[in-house]
C-alpha atoms as a PDB file:
ATOM      1  CA  UNK A   1       0.000   0.000   0.000  1.00  0.00           C
ATOM      2  CA  UNK A   2       1.444   3.314  -1.128  1.00  0.00           C
ATOM      3  CA  UNK A   3       1.441   5.818   1.796  1.00  0.00           C
ATOM      4  CA  UNK A   4       0.896   8.787  -0.507  1.00  0.00           C
ATOM      5  CA  UNK A   5      -2.114   7.185  -2.204  1.00  0.00           C
ATOM      6  CA  UNK A   6      -3.482   6.170   1.197  1.00  0.00           C
ATOM      7  CA  UNK A   7      -3.190   9.724   2.537  1.00  0.00           C
ATOM      8  CA  UNK A   8      -4.937  11.120  -0.545  1.00  0.00           C
ATOM      9  CA  UNK A   9      -7.718   8.545  -0.204  1.00  0.00           C
ATOM     10  CA  UNK A  10      -8.183   9.351   3.489  1.00  0.00           C
ATOM     11  CA  UNK A  11      -8.258  13.087   2.768  1.00  0.00           C
ATOM     12  CA  UNK A  12     -10.750  12.601  -0.051  1.00  0.00           C
ATOM     13  CA  UNK A  13     -12.886  10.364   2.171  1.00  0.00           C
ATOM     14  CA  UNK A  14     -13.004  12.982   4.921  1.00  0.00           C
ATOM     15  CA  UNK A  15     -13.913  15.672   2.395  1.00  0.00           C
ATOM     16  CA  UNK A  16     -16.621  13.539   0.797  1.00  0.00           C
ATOM     17  CA  UNK A  17     -18.074  12.735   4.215  1.00  0.00           C
ATOM     18  CA  UNK A  18     -18.271  16.444   5.069  1.00  0.00           C
ATOM     19  CA  UNK A  19     -19.909  17.130   1.691  1.00  0.00           C
ATOM     20  CA  UNK A  20     -22.499  14.433   2.416  1.00  0.00           C
ATOM     21  CA  UNK A  21     -23.169  16.025   5.809  1.00  0.00           C
ATOM     22  CA  UNK A  22     -23.631  19.488   4.297  1.00  0.00           C
ATOM     23  CA  UNK A  23     -25.972  18.167   1.600  1.00  0.00           C
ATOM     24  CA  UNK A  24     -28.027  16.218   4.161  1.00  0.00           C
ATOM     25  CA  UNK A  25     -28.243  19.267   6.440  1.00  0.00           C
ATOM     26  CA  UNK A  26     -29.412  21.449   3.550  1.00  0.00           C
ATOM     27  CA  UNK A  27     -32.006  18.874   2.505  1.00  0.00           C
ATOM     28  CA  UNK A  28     -33.245  18.674   6.090  1.00  0.00           C
ATOM     29  CA  UNK A  29     -33.573  22.465   6.278  1.00  0.00           C
ATOM     30  CA  UNK A  30     -35.435  22.575   2.955  1.00  0.00           C
ATOM     31  CA  UNK A  31     -37.836  19.832   4.048  1.00  0.00           C
ATOM     32  CA  UNK A  32     -38.291  21.601   7.378  1.00  0.00           C
ATOM     33  CA  UNK A  33     -39.205  24.754   5.435  1.00  0.00           C
ATOM     34  CA  UNK A  34     -42.021  22.948   3.631  1.00  0.00           C
ATOM     35  CA  UNK A  35     -43.071  20.655   6.475  1.00  0.00           C
ATOM     36  CA  UNK A  36     -42.404  22.592   9.721  1.00  0.00           C
ATOM     37  CA  UNK A  37     -43.170  19.899  12.318  1.00  0.00           C
ATOM     38  CA  UNK A  38     -40.141  17.833  11.291  1.00  0.00           C
ATOM     39  CA  UNK A  39     -36.973  17.844  13.381  1.00  0.00           C
ATOM     40  CA  UNK A  40     -33.585  18.793  11.952  1.00  0.00           C
ATOM     41  CA  UNK A  41     -31.598  15.636  11.248  1.00  0.00           C
ATOM     42  CA  UNK A  42     -28.500  14.798   9.224  1.00  0.00           C
ATOM     43  CA  UNK A  43     -28.865  11.032   9.726  1.00  0.00           C
ATOM     44  CA  UNK A  44     -30.968   9.416   6.971  1.00  0.00           C
ATOM     45  CA  UNK A  45     -31.788   6.340   9.066  1.00  0.00           C
ATOM     46  CA  UNK A  46     -32.981   8.443  12.016  1.00  0.00           C
ATOM     47  CA  UNK A  47     -34.954  10.663   9.652  1.00  0.00           C
ATOM     48  CA  UNK A  48     -36.593   7.586   8.177  1.00  0.00           C
ATOM     49  CA  UNK A  49     -37.808   6.550  11.629  1.00  0.00           C
ATOM     50  CA  UNK A  50     -38.797  10.006  12.928  1.00  0.00           C
ATOM     51  CA  UNK A  51     -40.228  11.560   9.754  1.00  0.00           C
ATOM     52  CA  UNK A  52     -40.427   9.107   6.837  1.00  0.00           C
ATOM     53  CA  UNK A  53     -40.779  11.800   4.157  1.00  0.00           C
ATOM     54  CA  UNK A  54     -37.499  13.420   5.132  1.00  0.00           C
ATOM     55  CA  UNK A  55     -35.794  10.037   5.471  1.00  0.00           C
ATOM     56  CA  UNK A  56     -36.853   8.954   1.995  1.00  0.00           C
ATOM     57  CA  UNK A  57     -35.691  12.270   0.534  1.00  0.00           C
ATOM     58  CA  UNK A  58     -32.312  11.990   2.262  1.00  0.00           C
ATOM     59  CA  UNK A  59     -31.860   8.376   1.131  1.00  0.00           C
ATOM     60  CA  UNK A  60     -32.697   9.367  -2.446  1.00  0.00           C
ATOM     61  CA  UNK A  61     -30.191  12.229  -2.332  1.00  0.00           C
ATOM     62  CA  UNK A  62     -27.533   9.875  -0.937  1.00  0.00           C
ATOM     63  CA  UNK A  63     -28.277   7.330  -3.681  1.00  0.00           C
ATOM     64  CA  UNK A  64     -28.000  10.050  -6.336  1.00  0.00           C
ATOM     65  CA  UNK A  65     -24.657  11.201  -4.923  1.00  0.00           C
ATOM     66  CA  UNK A  66     -23.394   7.603  -4.930  1.00  0.00           C
ATOM     67  CA  UNK A  67     -24.664   6.939  -8.456  1.00  0.00           C
ATOM     68  CA  UNK A  68     -22.980  10.123  -9.676  1.00  0.00           C
ATOM     69  CA  UNK A  69     -19.538   8.489  -9.504  1.00  0.00           C
ATOM     70  CA  UNK A  70     -20.527   5.219 -11.193  1.00  0.00           C
ATOM     71  CA  UNK A  71     -21.234   5.925 -14.893  1.00  0.00           C
ATOM     72  CA  UNK A  72     -17.751   6.078 -16.372  1.00  0.00           C
ATOM     73  CA  UNK A  73     -17.628   4.669 -19.881  1.00  0.00           C
ATOM     74  CA  UNK A  74     -14.025   4.728 -21.098  1.00  0.00           C
ATOM     75  CA  UNK A  75     -11.777   1.745 -20.348  1.00  0.00           C
ATOM     76  CA  UNK A  76      -8.692   3.762 -19.472  1.00  0.00           C
ATOM     77  CA  UNK A  77     -10.473   6.264 -17.259  1.00  0.00           C
ATOM     78  CA  UNK A  78     -12.591   3.496 -15.735  1.00  0.00           C
ATOM     79  CA  UNK A  79      -9.531   1.669 -14.465  1.00  0.00           C
ATOM     80  CA  UNK A  80      -8.035   4.928 -13.177  1.00  0.00           C
ATOM     81  CA  UNK A  81     -11.138   5.942 -11.229  1.00  0.00           C
ATOM     82  CA  UNK A  82     -11.974   2.549  -9.722  1.00  0.00           C
ATOM     83  CA  UNK A  83     -10.619   3.780  -6.386  1.00  0.00           C
ATOM     84  CA  UNK A  84     -12.905   6.816  -6.496  1.00  0.00           C
ATOM     85  CA  UNK A  85     -15.914   4.561  -6.985  1.00  0.00           C
ATOM     86  CA  UNK A  86     -14.931   2.399  -4.043  1.00  0.00           C
ATOM     87  CA  UNK A  87     -14.208   5.453  -1.900  1.00  0.00           C
ATOM     88  CA  UNK A  88     -17.644   6.945  -2.602  1.00  0.00           C
ATOM     89  CA  UNK A  89     -19.342   3.610  -1.926  1.00  0.00           C
ATOM     90  CA  UNK A  90     -17.540   2.926   1.368  1.00  0.00           C
ATOM     91  CA  UNK A  91     -17.933   6.504   2.572  1.00  0.00           C
ATOM     92  CA  UNK A  92     -21.636   6.578   1.662  1.00  0.00           C
ATOM     93  CA  UNK A  93     -22.393   3.310   3.436  1.00  0.00           C
ATOM     94  CA  UNK A  94     -20.324   4.401   6.418  1.00  0.00           C
ATOM     95  CA  UNK A  95     -22.242   7.672   6.482  1.00  0.00           C
ATOM     96  CA  UNK A  96     -25.509   5.791   6.920  1.00  0.00           C
ATOM     97  CA  UNK A  97     -24.205   4.074  10.049  1.00  0.00           C
ATOM     98  CA  UNK A  98     -21.886   6.662  11.585  1.00  0.00           C
ATOM     99  CA  UNK A  99     -24.268   9.595  11.126  1.00  0.00           C
ATOM    100  CA  UNK A 100     -26.262   8.152  14.022  1.00  0.00           C
ATOM    101  CA  UNK A 101     -23.384   8.973  16.421  1.00  0.00           C
ATOM    102  CA  UNK A 102     -24.534  12.534  17.319  1.00  0.00           C
ATOM    103  CA  UNK A 103     -27.966  11.157  18.200  1.00  0.00           C
ATOM    104  CA  UNK A 104     -26.626   8.263  20.271  1.00  0.00           C
ATOM    105  CA  UNK A 105     -25.106  10.655  22.809  1.00  0.00           C
ATOM    106  CA  UNK A 106     -27.652  13.199  23.981  1.00  0.00           C
ATOM    107  CA  UNK A 107     -26.341  16.320  25.667  1.00  0.00           C
ATOM    108  CA  UNK A 108     -28.068  19.692  25.748  1.00  0.00           C
ATOM    109  CA  UNK A 109     -25.061  21.594  24.394  1.00  0.00           C
ATOM    110  CA  UNK A 110     -24.748  22.446  20.714  1.00  0.00           C
ATOM    111  CA  UNK A 111     -20.939  22.253  20.973  1.00  0.00           C
ATOM    112  CA  UNK A 112     -21.177  18.554  21.784  1.00  0.00           C
ATOM    113  CA  UNK A 113     -23.420  17.932  18.773  1.00  0.00           C
ATOM    114  CA  UNK A 114     -21.060  19.814  16.441  1.00  0.00           C
ATOM    115  CA  UNK A 115     -18.056  17.971  17.890  1.00  0.00           C
ATOM    116  CA  UNK A 116     -19.730  14.603  17.357  1.00  0.00           C
ATOM    117  CA  UNK A 117     -20.596  15.554  13.765  1.00  0.00           C
ATOM    118  CA  UNK A 118     -16.969  16.487  13.100  1.00  0.00           C
ATOM    119  CA  UNK A 119     -15.767  13.293  14.805  1.00  0.00           C
ATOM    120  CA  UNK A 120     -18.012  10.956  12.828  1.00  0.00           C
ATOM    121  CA  UNK A 121     -17.033  12.665   9.567  1.00  0.00           C
ATOM    122  CA  UNK A 122     -13.334  12.200  10.304  1.00  0.00           C
ATOM    123  CA  UNK A 123     -13.841   8.576  11.396  1.00  0.00           C
ATOM    124  CA  UNK A 124     -15.994   7.874   8.334  1.00  0.00           C
ATOM    125  CA  UNK A 125     -13.452   9.440   5.977  1.00  0.00           C
ATOM    126  CA  UNK A 126     -10.550   7.504   7.477  1.00  0.00           C
ATOM    127  CA  UNK A 127     -12.428   4.196   7.340  1.00  0.00           C
ATOM    128  CA  UNK A 128     -13.635   4.848   3.787  1.00  0.00           C
ATOM    129  CA  UNK A 129     -10.181   5.940   2.618  1.00  0.00           C
ATOM    130  CA  UNK A 130      -8.391   2.958   4.127  1.00  0.00           C
ATOM    131  CA  UNK A 131     -11.027   0.496   2.871  1.00  0.00           C
ATOM    132  CA  UNK A 132     -10.857   1.875  -0.670  1.00  0.00           C
ATOM    133  CA  UNK A 133      -7.046   1.659  -0.681  1.00  0.00           C
ATOM    134  CA  UNK A 134      -6.906  -2.025   0.258  1.00  0.00           C
END
């Protein structure tokens, strides 16, 4: 395993995880604008249980973001970007599970919630980057 490629994969995984979090937060705010009784949530699985409409929307957005990296037609570019496909897949699946971390620990402080969001994004990016490099 090349250390430089591993560090780039881990960095890209962390960045992609943060992008997923921002997109899920924006989708939650948009849904909350149209359907006010819903709670703000960045975890698609929790949203699916609490407010199914928001959960379905977040799962569809996550599926679209994962499918965005798949359709590569050329043989040369397809072999080059195989790692990107795996990185997006591992980071997306990890996001589904690890995004529940801020809701598993309930504290009344917003700083704790933000810290847990940052922590799960870093953990998810590292796991996705290492798994895609193997």
